[in-house]
Amino acid sequence: MMKRHNPTSVVLVAAFAAMTVASAAAANFPVGTHLVKGTLKDWKNKVLTSSAAVTIQAVATNGTVIASTKVANPSEDGYNFVLQIPLSTAATDSTAAVGDTMNCVLVQDSGLSLAVDPITVGDANAVSTVCLALVNMQEFTSTNDPTKTVSVPAEYVDTIAPWMEAKEIDGEYDPFADYDNDGATNYAEYRAGTNPFDASDKLAILDYTAPQNAMHTIMFEYAGGRIYGVSTTLSLTNPQWATQPVKKSEADGEHEQVMFSADEDEVGSTTIYVVPAEGATSQFFKLEAK
């Protein structure tokens, strides 16, 4: 005779399992840590060292400091701080939840503090990157293209104004203009630390090699205290620029950005290496001061 299951027991087991799941979902428990790796710069776009004596804080909307760290000497890829944000399934007075928006506050040893771009908390055991500036920012919109906007340090605007007056250039400082007609916008020259009024002074590729089945090399002149990166696209007809991982040497690991010296007075020529796209018949690179 065939043995029959008792349907009542099945229903009871299912109900008990559902209650267990619901109870677990309601509990709040730690789920790990999200790391925010960042670069803090001054108004000259130079990466700060530990001598800057600045603390970066991730602050919840209720004003509670969830994570805090001091600016350190920059690593070879230009990052000078790491915030470790503790996570739980729901935010508490000492933890954040994935997807939360945290206020980012920079506190100087003098007691001055400055709120900068907010941080979005990512997944546990993941890393996100940010770039922050210890300055007040002014937003500019291109007079030729209203869709183009950029934030520029107010201190830099105050500095460039006398140059404009001396060279009899009227109007407001325009980050999208090219005052020396060297092909680099004023804003691009500011980021690179070059002179927007001197056509011979600009960030440029000095040499480029593209051997088959090997890493491409890009030689350029760098300035201390700044970080550099490369964007790439497979076509210039409808370019889709994306970050290109780079190496400081052929044996080096890949980085999104690289830094060659923290000494702001140092300049020199250097080479970075990029791995070409597999199977691509053509590839274009754009060197950038980030």
C-alpha atoms as a PDB file:
ATOM      1  CA  MET A   1       0.000   0.000   0.000  1.00  0.00           C
ATOM      2  CA  MET A   2       1.298   3.447  -0.952  1.00  0.00           C
ATOM      3  CA  LYS A   3       2.271   5.624   2.001  1.00  0.00           C
ATOM      4  CA  ARG A   4       0.584   9.055   1.972  1.00  0.00           C
ATOM      5  CA  HIS A   5       2.123  12.298   3.318  1.00  0.00           C
ATOM      6  CA  ASN A   6       0.236  14.314   5.866  1.00  0.00           C
ATOM      7  CA  PRO A   7      -0.525  17.671   4.168  1.00  0.00           C
ATOM      8  CA  THR A   8      -1.076  19.361   7.497  1.00  0.00           C
ATOM      9  CA  SER A   9       2.548  18.814   8.533  1.00  0.00           C
ATOM     10  CA  VAL A  10       3.753  20.284   5.229  1.00  0.00           C
ATOM     11  CA  VAL A  11       1.716  23.438   5.763  1.00  0.00           C
ATOM     12  CA  LEU A  12       3.012  23.832   9.299  1.00  0.00           C
ATOM     13  CA  VAL A  13       6.630  23.482   8.206  1.00  0.00           C
ATOM     14  CA  ALA A  14       6.169  26.047   5.440  1.00  0.00           C
ATOM     15  CA  ALA A  15       4.543  28.496   7.819  1.00  0.00           C
ATOM     16  CA  PHE A  16       7.375  28.073  10.338  1.00  0.00           C
ATOM     17  CA  ALA A  17       9.968  28.691   7.609  1.00  0.00           C
ATOM     18  CA  ALA A  18       8.186  31.851   6.479  1.00  0.00           C
ATOM     19  CA  MET A  19       8.095  33.147  10.034  1.00  0.00           C
ATOM     20  CA  THR A  20      11.818  32.470  10.404  1.00  0.00           C
ATOM     21  CA  VAL A  21      12.668  34.403   7.234  1.00  0.00           C
ATOM     22  CA  ALA A  22      10.482  37.333   8.233  1.00  0.00           C
ATOM     23  CA  SER A  23      12.102  37.459  11.648  1.00  0.00           C
ATOM     24  CA  ALA A  24      15.594  37.460  10.126  1.00  0.00           C
ATOM     25  CA  ALA A  25      14.676  40.239   7.696  1.00  0.00           C
ATOM     26  CA  ALA A  26      13.490  42.443  10.523  1.00  0.00           C
ATOM     27  CA  ALA A  27      16.741  42.098  12.460  1.00  0.00           C
ATOM     28  CA  ASN A  28      19.523  44.648  12.020  1.00  0.00           C
ATOM     29  CA  PHE A  29      23.002  43.145  11.804  1.00  0.00           C
ATOM     30  CA  PRO A  30      26.467  44.130  10.473  1.00  0.00           C
ATOM     31  CA  VAL A  31      27.164  43.328   6.822  1.00  0.00           C
ATOM     32  CA  GLY A  32      30.748  44.531   6.443  1.00  0.00           C
ATOM     33  CA  THR A  33      32.575  47.712   5.470  1.00  0.00           C
ATOM     34  CA  HIS A  34      32.529  49.907   2.388  1.00  0.00           C
ATOM     35  CA  LEU A  35      35.814  51.627   1.519  1.00  0.00           C
ATOM     36  CA  VAL A  36      35.937  55.093  -0.005  1.00  0.00           C
ATOM     37  CA  LYS A  37      39.380  55.720  -1.494  1.00  0.00           C
ATOM     38  CA  GLY A  38      39.973  59.327  -2.453  1.00  0.00           C
ATOM     39  CA  THR A  39      42.200  62.175  -3.500  1.00  0.00           C
ATOM     40  CA  LEU A  40      42.053  65.497  -1.671  1.00  0.00           C
ATOM     41  CA  LYS A  41      43.563  68.471  -3.513  1.00  0.00           C
ATOM     42  CA  ASP A  42      44.139  72.153  -2.882  1.00  0.00           C
ATOM     43  CA  TRP A  43      42.852  74.984  -5.058  1.00  0.00           C
ATOM     44  CA  LYS A  44      45.835  74.630  -7.391  1.00  0.00           C
ATOM     45  CA  ASN A  45      44.701  71.062  -8.169  1.00  0.00           C
ATOM     46  CA  LYS A  46      47.715  69.640  -6.317  1.00  0.00           C
ATOM     47  CA  VAL A  47      47.355  66.494  -4.252  1.00  0.00           C
ATOM     48  CA  LEU A  48      47.777  67.208  -0.541  1.00  0.00           C
ATOM     49  CA  THR A  49      50.202  65.371   1.740  1.00  0.00           C
ATOM     50  CA  SER A  50      49.890  64.567   5.434  1.00  0.00           C
ATOM     51  CA  SER A  51      51.397  67.977   6.251  1.00  0.00           C
ATOM     52  CA  ALA A  52      48.053  69.520   5.216  1.00  0.00           C
ATOM     53  CA  ALA A  53      46.619  68.338   8.565  1.00  0.00           C
ATOM     54  CA  VAL A  54      43.083  67.748   7.266  1.00  0.00           C
ATOM     55  CA  THR A  55      40.534  65.201   8.477  1.00  0.00           C
ATOM     56  CA  ILE A  56      37.882  63.752   6.152  1.00  0.00           C
ATOM     57  CA  GLN A  57      34.586  62.737   7.740  1.00  0.00           C
ATOM     58  CA  ALA A  58      31.598  60.789   6.455  1.00  0.00           C
ATOM     59  CA  VAL A  59      28.638  62.291   8.305  1.00  0.00           C
ATOM     60  CA  ALA A  60      25.091  60.897   8.429  1.00  0.00           C
ATOM     61  CA  THR A  61      22.162  63.210   7.712  1.00  0.00           C
ATOM     62  CA  ASN A  62      21.467  63.378  11.454  1.00  0.00           C
ATOM     63  CA  GLY A  63      24.946  64.833  12.022  1.00  0.00           C
ATOM     64  CA  THR A  64      26.592  61.675  13.381  1.00  0.00           C
ATOM     65  CA  VAL A  65      30.176  61.052  12.203  1.00  0.00           C
ATOM     66  CA  ILE A  66      30.184  57.489  10.845  1.00  0.00           C
ATOM     67  CA  ALA A  67      33.786  57.345   9.587  1.00  0.00           C
ATOM     68  CA  SER A  68      36.812  59.604   9.860  1.00  0.00           C
ATOM     69  CA  THR A  69      40.429  59.606   8.665  1.00  0.00           C
ATOM     70  CA  LYS A  70      43.401  61.929   8.305  1.00  0.00           C
ATOM     71  CA  VAL A  71      44.921  62.877   4.958  1.00  0.00           C
ATOM     72  CA  ALA A  72      48.020  60.734   4.397  1.00  0.00           C
ATOM     73  CA  ASN A  73      50.928  61.014   2.009  1.00  0.00           C
ATOM     74  CA  PRO A  74      49.632  60.030  -1.452  1.00  0.00           C
ATOM     75  CA  SER A  75      50.136  56.558  -2.871  1.00  0.00           C
ATOM     76  CA  GLU A  76      51.657  56.047  -6.313  1.00  0.00           C
ATOM     77  CA  ASP A  77      48.219  56.401  -7.889  1.00  0.00           C
ATOM     78  CA  GLY A  78      47.525  59.688  -6.120  1.00  0.00           C
ATOM     79  CA  TYR A  79      45.057  58.570  -3.436  1.00  0.00           C
ATOM     80  CA  ASN A  80      45.710  60.137  -0.038  1.00  0.00           C
ATOM     81  CA  PHE A  81      42.884  58.898   2.178  1.00  0.00           C
ATOM     82  CA  VAL A  82      40.668  55.863   2.782  1.00  0.00           C
ATOM     83  CA  LEU A  83      37.372  56.086   4.663  1.00  0.00           C
ATOM     84  CA  GLN A  84      36.129  52.817   6.181  1.00  0.00           C
ATOM     85  CA  ILE A  85      32.349  53.066   6.468  1.00  0.00           C
ATOM     86  CA  PRO A  86      30.799  50.336   8.665  1.00  0.00           C
ATOM     87  CA  LEU A  87      27.605  48.843   7.235  1.00  0.00           C
ATOM     88  CA  SER A  88      24.520  47.185   8.662  1.00  0.00           C
ATOM     89  CA  THR A  89      21.236  46.115   7.111  1.00  0.00           C
ATOM     90  CA  ALA A  90      19.678  49.374   8.364  1.00  0.00           C
ATOM     91  CA  ALA A  91      21.464  52.585   9.319  1.00  0.00           C
ATOM     92  CA  THR A  92      22.176  53.177  13.013  1.00  0.00           C
ATOM     93  CA  ASP A  93      23.991  55.864  15.019  1.00  0.00           C
ATOM     94  CA  SER A  94      27.292  54.181  14.200  1.00  0.00           C
ATOM     95  CA  THR A  95      26.689  52.471  10.834  1.00  0.00           C
ATOM     96  CA  ALA A  96      25.361  53.229   7.366  1.00  0.00           C
ATOM     97  CA  ALA A  97      23.274  51.128   4.994  1.00  0.00           C
ATOM     98  CA  VAL A  98      24.087  50.387   1.364  1.00  0.00           C
ATOM     99  CA  GLY A  99      22.730  53.189  -0.829  1.00  0.00           C
ATOM    100  CA  ASP A 100      22.763  55.844   1.904  1.00  0.00           C
ATOM    101  CA  THR A 101      23.982  59.334   1.058  1.00  0.00           C
ATOM    102  CA  MET A 102      26.590  60.627   3.498  1.00  0.00           C
ATOM    103  CA  ASN A 103      27.704  64.220   3.873  1.00  0.00           C
ATOM    104  CA  CYS A 104      31.450  64.608   3.367  1.00  0.00           C
ATOM    105  CA  VAL A 105      33.095  67.182   5.610  1.00  0.00           C
ATOM    106  CA  LEU A 106      36.713  68.340   5.578  1.00  0.00           C
ATOM    107  CA  VAL A 107      38.008  69.548   8.944  1.00  0.00           C
ATOM    108  CA  GLN A 108      41.280  71.455   9.210  1.00  0.00           C
ATOM    109  CA  ASP A 109      43.371  71.496  12.371  1.00  0.00           C
ATOM    110  CA  SER A 110      42.655  75.218  12.621  1.00  0.00           C
ATOM    111  CA  GLY A 111      39.037  74.288  13.309  1.00  0.00           C
ATOM    112  CA  LEU A 112      37.684  75.391   9.936  1.00  0.00           C
ATOM    113  CA  SER A 113      35.384  72.907   8.228  1.00  0.00           C
ATOM    114  CA  LEU A 114      34.039  72.648   4.699  1.00  0.00           C
ATOM    115  CA  ALA A 115      31.223  70.487   3.333  1.00  0.00           C
ATOM    116  CA  VAL A 116      32.079  69.023  -0.071  1.00  0.00           C
ATOM    117  CA  ASP A 117      30.466  66.574  -2.491  1.00  0.00           C
ATOM    118  CA  PRO A 118      28.300  63.931  -0.764  1.00  0.00           C
ATOM    119  CA  ILE A 119      29.281  60.253  -0.731  1.00  0.00           C
ATOM    120  CA  THR A 120      26.979  57.435  -1.817  1.00  0.00           C
ATOM    121  CA  VAL A 121      27.617  54.308   0.247  1.00  0.00           C
ATOM    122  CA  GLY A 122      28.341  51.261  -1.877  1.00  0.00           C
ATOM    123  CA  ASP A 123      28.278  47.531  -1.240  1.00  0.00           C
ATOM    124  CA  ALA A 124      30.106  45.759   1.565  1.00  0.00           C
ATOM    125  CA  ASN A 125      33.715  44.812   0.808  1.00  0.00           C
ATOM    126  CA  ALA A 126      33.665  47.044  -2.298  1.00  0.00           C
ATOM    127  CA  VAL A 127      35.713  50.173  -3.016  1.00  0.00           C
ATOM    128  CA  SER A 128      34.555  53.467  -4.530  1.00  0.00           C
ATOM    129  CA  THR A 129      36.756  56.421  -5.434  1.00  0.00           C
ATOM    130  CA  VAL A 130      36.241  60.170  -5.078  1.00  0.00           C
ATOM    131  CA  CYS A 131      38.181  63.352  -5.780  1.00  0.00           C
ATOM    132  CA  LEU A 132      37.698  66.286  -3.411  1.00  0.00           C
ATOM    133  CA  ALA A 133      38.963  69.861  -3.311  1.00  0.00           C
ATOM    134  CA  LEU A 134      39.592  71.884  -0.147  1.00  0.00           C
ATOM    135  CA  VAL A 135      38.198  75.060  -1.695  1.00  0.00           C
ATOM    136  CA  ASN A 136      35.059  77.021  -2.447  1.00  0.00           C
ATOM    137  CA  MET A 137      33.831  76.282  -5.961  1.00  0.00           C
ATOM    138  CA  GLN A 138      32.136  78.420  -8.589  1.00  0.00           C
ATOM    139  CA  GLU A 139      30.115  76.871 -11.396  1.00  0.00           C
ATOM    140  CA  PHE A 140      30.511  78.128 -14.946  1.00  0.00           C
ATOM    141  CA  THR A 141      28.425  77.399 -18.040  1.00  0.00           C
ATOM    142  CA  SER A 142      29.919  77.611 -21.514  1.00  0.00           C
ATOM    143  CA  THR A 143      28.660  80.608 -23.501  1.00  0.00           C
ATOM    144  CA  ASN A 144      28.847  78.509 -26.692  1.00  0.00           C
ATOM    145  CA  ASP A 145      27.289  75.313 -25.326  1.00  0.00           C
ATOM    146  CA  PRO A 146      24.813  75.621 -22.411  1.00  0.00           C
ATOM    147  CA  THR A 147      25.081  71.863 -21.762  1.00  0.00           C
ATOM    148  CA  LYS A 148      28.714  72.268 -20.673  1.00  0.00           C
ATOM    149  CA  THR A 149      29.262  73.237 -17.061  1.00  0.00           C
ATOM    150  CA  VAL A 150      32.281  72.978 -14.806  1.00  0.00           C
ATOM    151  CA  SER A 151      33.113  73.878 -11.208  1.00  0.00           C
ATOM    152  CA  VAL A 152      36.257  75.952 -10.767  1.00  0.00           C
ATOM    153  CA  PRO A 153      37.909  77.046  -7.482  1.00  0.00           C
ATOM    154  CA  ALA A 154      36.957  80.588  -6.511  1.00  0.00           C
ATOM    155  CA  GLU A 155      40.568  81.193  -5.466  1.00  0.00           C
ATOM    156  CA  TYR A 156      41.751  80.421  -8.985  1.00  0.00           C
ATOM    157  CA  VAL A 157      39.280  82.879 -10.471  1.00  0.00           C
ATOM    158  CA  ASP A 158      40.642  85.550  -8.123  1.00  0.00           C
ATOM    159  CA  THR A 159      44.177  84.702  -9.264  1.00  0.00           C
ATOM    160  CA  ILE A 160      43.555  84.698 -13.000  1.00  0.00           C
ATOM    161  CA  ALA A 161      41.585  87.979 -12.997  1.00  0.00           C
ATOM    162  CA  PRO A 162      44.744  90.164 -12.685  1.00  0.00           C
ATOM    163  CA  TRP A 163      46.365  88.227 -15.552  1.00  0.00           C
ATOM    164  CA  MET A 164      43.346  88.924 -17.730  1.00  0.00           C
ATOM    165  CA  GLU A 165      43.458  92.601 -16.834  1.00  0.00           C
ATOM    166  CA  ALA A 166      47.183  92.809 -17.607  1.00  0.00           C
ATOM    167  CA  LYS A 167      46.620  91.208 -21.024  1.00  0.00           C
ATOM    168  CA  GLU A 168      43.527  93.358 -21.648  1.00  0.00           C
ATOM    169  CA  ILE A 169      41.146  90.388 -21.848  1.00  0.00           C
ATOM    170  CA  ASP A 170      37.632  91.551 -21.005  1.00  0.00           C
ATOM    171  CA  GLY A 171      34.830  89.605 -19.388  1.00  0.00           C
ATOM    172  CA  GLU A 172      34.505  86.901 -16.778  1.00  0.00           C
ATOM    173  CA  TYR A 173      37.048  84.113 -16.567  1.00  0.00           C
ATOM    174  CA  ASP A 174      35.890  81.439 -19.041  1.00  0.00           C
ATOM    175  CA  PRO A 175      37.108  77.883 -18.307  1.00  0.00           C
ATOM    176  CA  PHE A 176      36.075  76.764 -21.802  1.00  0.00           C
ATOM    177  CA  ALA A 177      37.998  79.507 -23.651  1.00  0.00           C
ATOM    178  CA  ASP A 178      41.547  79.075 -24.932  1.00  0.00           C
ATOM    179  CA  TYR A 179      43.310  82.378 -24.259  1.00  0.00           C
ATOM    180  CA  ASP A 180      46.662  81.341 -25.762  1.00  0.00           C
ATOM    181  CA  ASN A 181      45.188  79.375 -28.711  1.00  0.00           C
ATOM    182  CA  ASP A 182      47.258  76.281 -28.002  1.00  0.00           C
ATOM    183  CA  GLY A 183      44.380  73.803 -28.316  1.00  0.00           C
ATOM    184  CA  ALA A 184      43.962  73.336 -24.549  1.00  0.00           C
ATOM    185  CA  THR A 185      41.112  75.079 -22.741  1.00  0.00           C
ATOM    186  CA  ASN A 186      41.801  77.358 -19.791  1.00  0.00           C
ATOM    187  CA  TYR A 187      40.267  74.764 -17.469  1.00  0.00           C
ATOM    188  CA  ALA A 188      42.400  71.934 -18.885  1.00  0.00           C
ATOM    189  CA  GLU A 189      45.511  74.067 -18.366  1.00  0.00           C
ATOM    190  CA  TYR A 190      44.467  74.852 -14.806  1.00  0.00           C
ATOM    191  CA  ARG A 191      44.139  71.135 -14.018  1.00  0.00           C
ATOM    192  CA  ALA A 192      47.526  70.408 -15.604  1.00  0.00           C
ATOM    193  CA  GLY A 193      49.252  73.312 -13.864  1.00  0.00           C
ATOM    194  CA  THR A 194      50.247  74.992 -17.115  1.00  0.00           C
ATOM    195  CA  ASN A 195      49.962  78.657 -18.064  1.00  0.00           C
ATOM    196  CA  PRO A 196      46.733  79.500 -19.977  1.00  0.00           C
ATOM    197  CA  PHE A 197      48.475  82.572 -21.430  1.00  0.00           C
ATOM    198  CA  ASP A 198      51.573  80.768 -22.771  1.00  0.00           C
ATOM    199  CA  ALA A 199      51.089  78.607 -25.883  1.00  0.00           C
ATOM    200  CA  SER A 200      54.406  76.848 -25.295  1.00  0.00           C
ATOM    201  CA  ASP A 201      53.294  75.627 -21.868  1.00  0.00           C
ATOM    202  CA  LYS A 202      50.683  72.871 -22.043  1.00  0.00           C
ATOM    203  CA  LEU A 203      50.169  69.188 -21.280  1.00  0.00           C
ATOM    204  CA  ALA A 204      51.065  67.323 -24.450  1.00  0.00           C
ATOM    205  CA  ILE A 205      52.174  63.886 -25.619  1.00  0.00           C
ATOM    206  CA  LEU A 206      55.888  64.089 -26.445  1.00  0.00           C
ATOM    207  CA  ASP A 207      56.205  60.627 -27.962  1.00  0.00           C
ATOM    208  CA  TYR A 208      53.982  57.625 -28.635  1.00  0.00           C
ATOM    209  CA  THR A 209      54.746  54.066 -29.717  1.00  0.00           C
ATOM    210  CA  ALA A 210      52.294  51.332 -30.673  1.00  0.00           C
ATOM    211  CA  PRO A 211      54.151  48.066 -31.237  1.00  0.00           C
ATOM    212  CA  GLN A 212      51.975  45.150 -32.325  1.00  0.00           C
ATOM    213  CA  ASN A 213      50.969  42.697 -29.582  1.00  0.00           C
ATOM    214  CA  ALA A 214      52.658  44.807 -26.910  1.00  0.00           C
ATOM    215  CA  MET A 215      51.890  47.667 -24.572  1.00  0.00           C
ATOM    216  CA  HIS A 216      51.578  51.107 -26.070  1.00  0.00           C
ATOM    217  CA  THR A 217      53.722  53.838 -24.519  1.00  0.00           C
ATOM    218  CA  ILE A 218      52.900  57.504 -23.995  1.00  0.00           C
ATOM    219  CA  MET A 219      55.655  59.970 -23.053  1.00  0.00           C
ATOM    220  CA  PHE A 220      54.796  63.368 -21.590  1.00  0.00           C
ATOM    221  CA  GLU A 221      56.055  66.027 -19.205  1.00  0.00           C
ATOM    222  CA  TYR A 222      54.570  65.801 -15.713  1.00  0.00           C
ATOM    223  CA  ALA A 223      54.340  68.262 -12.836  1.00  0.00           C
ATOM    224  CA  GLY A 224      54.746  67.280  -9.189  1.00  0.00           C
ATOM    225  CA  GLY A 225      51.654  67.091  -7.022  1.00  0.00           C
ATOM    226  CA  ARG A 226      49.366  66.141  -9.897  1.00  0.00           C
ATOM    227  CA  ILE A 227      47.817  62.893 -11.058  1.00  0.00           C
ATOM    228  CA  TYR A 228      47.388  61.719 -14.634  1.00  0.00           C
ATOM    229  CA  GLY A 229      45.222  59.292 -16.503  1.00  0.00           C
ATOM    230  CA  VAL A 230      44.291  58.163 -19.987  1.00  0.00           C
ATOM    231  CA  SER A 231      40.926  57.885 -21.746  1.00  0.00           C
ATOM    232  CA  THR A 232      40.436  55.707 -24.801  1.00  0.00           C
ATOM    233  CA  THR A 233      37.982  55.253 -27.657  1.00  0.00           C
ATOM    234  CA  LEU A 234      37.950  52.921 -30.655  1.00  0.00           C
ATOM    235  CA  SER A 235      36.595  55.567 -33.037  1.00  0.00           C
ATOM    236  CA  LEU A 236      36.717  59.326 -33.468  1.00  0.00           C
ATOM    237  CA  THR A 237      33.553  59.365 -35.597  1.00  0.00           C
ATOM    238  CA  ASN A 238      31.306  58.927 -32.570  1.00  0.00           C
ATOM    239  CA  PRO A 239      33.825  58.726 -29.717  1.00  0.00           C
ATOM    240  CA  GLN A 240      32.843  56.885 -26.541  1.00  0.00           C
ATOM    241  CA  TRP A 241      35.650  57.855 -24.165  1.00  0.00           C
ATOM    242  CA  ALA A 242      36.295  55.480 -21.269  1.00  0.00           C
ATOM    243  CA  THR A 243      38.980  55.267 -18.594  1.00  0.00           C
ATOM    244  CA  GLN A 244      42.011  53.325 -19.800  1.00  0.00           C
ATOM    245  CA  PRO A 245      44.016  51.478 -17.104  1.00  0.00           C
ATOM    246  CA  VAL A 246      47.677  52.537 -17.144  1.00  0.00           C
ATOM    247  CA  LYS A 247      50.989  51.299 -15.769  1.00  0.00           C
ATOM    248  CA  LYS A 248      54.036  53.220 -14.551  1.00  0.00           C
ATOM    249  CA  SER A 249      56.285  50.442 -15.880  1.00  0.00           C
ATOM    250  CA  GLU A 250      55.811  47.334 -17.954  1.00  0.00           C
ATOM    251  CA  ALA A 251      55.949  45.171 -14.826  1.00  0.00           C
ATOM    252  CA  ASP A 252      53.638  47.417 -12.800  1.00  0.00           C
ATOM    253  CA  GLY A 253      50.004  46.651 -11.965  1.00  0.00           C
ATOM    254  CA  GLU A 254      47.244  48.610 -13.672  1.00  0.00           C
ATOM    255  CA  HIS A 255      45.889  51.838 -12.165  1.00  0.00           C
ATOM    256  CA  GLU A 256      43.036  54.188 -13.073  1.00  0.00           C
ATOM    257  CA  GLN A 257      45.404  57.101 -12.457  1.00  0.00           C
ATOM    258  CA  VAL A 258      49.069  57.590 -11.601  1.00  0.00           C
ATOM    259  CA  MET A 259      51.176  60.122  -9.720  1.00  0.00           C
ATOM    260  CA  PHE A 260      54.893  60.588 -10.318  1.00  0.00           C
ATOM    261  CA  SER A 261      55.889  62.951  -7.516  1.00  0.00           C
ATOM    262  CA  ALA A 262      54.315  64.660  -4.504  1.00  0.00           C
ATOM    263  CA  ASP A 263      56.942  67.419  -4.726  1.00  0.00           C
ATOM    264  CA  GLU A 264      55.049  70.333  -6.266  1.00  0.00           C
ATOM    265  CA  ASP A 265      58.289  71.898  -7.558  1.00  0.00           C
ATOM    266  CA  GLU A 266      59.359  68.812  -9.491  1.00  0.00           C
ATOM    267  CA  VAL A 267      58.857  68.522 -13.252  1.00  0.00           C
ATOM    268  CA  GLY A 268      60.183  65.969 -15.681  1.00  0.00           C
ATOM    269  CA  SER A 269      59.469  63.658 -18.606  1.00  0.00           C
ATOM    270  CA  THR A 270      58.037  60.216 -18.003  1.00  0.00           C
ATOM    271  CA  THR A 271      56.373  57.325 -19.804  1.00  0.00           C
ATOM    272  CA  ILE A 272      53.180  55.474 -19.003  1.00  0.00           C
ATOM    273  CA  TYR A 273      52.148  52.139 -20.480  1.00  0.00           C
ATOM    274  CA  VAL A 274      48.706  51.080 -21.698  1.00  0.00           C
ATOM    275  CA  VAL A 275      47.399  47.694 -22.786  1.00  0.00           C
ATOM    276  CA  PRO A 276      45.722  47.911 -26.223  1.00  0.00           C
ATOM    277  CA  ALA A 277      42.167  46.691 -26.708  1.00  0.00           C
ATOM    278  CA  GLU A 278      42.135  43.061 -27.827  1.00  0.00           C
ATOM    279  CA  GLY A 279      41.229  42.638 -31.485  1.00  0.00           C
ATOM    280  CA  ALA A 280      40.863  46.381 -32.147  1.00  0.00           C
ATOM    281  CA  THR A 281      41.932  47.605 -35.586  1.00  0.00           C
ATOM    282  CA  SER A 282      42.365  51.149 -34.245  1.00  0.00           C
ATOM    283  CA  GLN A 283      42.428  52.762 -30.828  1.00  0.00           C
ATOM    284  CA  PHE A 284      42.773  56.378 -29.736  1.00  0.00           C
ATOM    285  CA  PHE A 285      44.129  57.694 -26.431  1.00  0.00           C
ATOM    286  CA  LYS A 286      43.692  61.001 -24.625  1.00  0.00           C
ATOM    287  CA  LEU A 287      46.120  62.046 -21.879  1.00  0.00           C
ATOM    288  CA  GLU A 288      44.511  63.950 -18.996  1.00  0.00           C
ATOM    289  CA  ALA A 289      45.531  65.699 -15.797  1.00  0.00           C
ATOM    290  CA  LYS A 290      42.803  64.572 -13.418  1.00  0.00           C
END
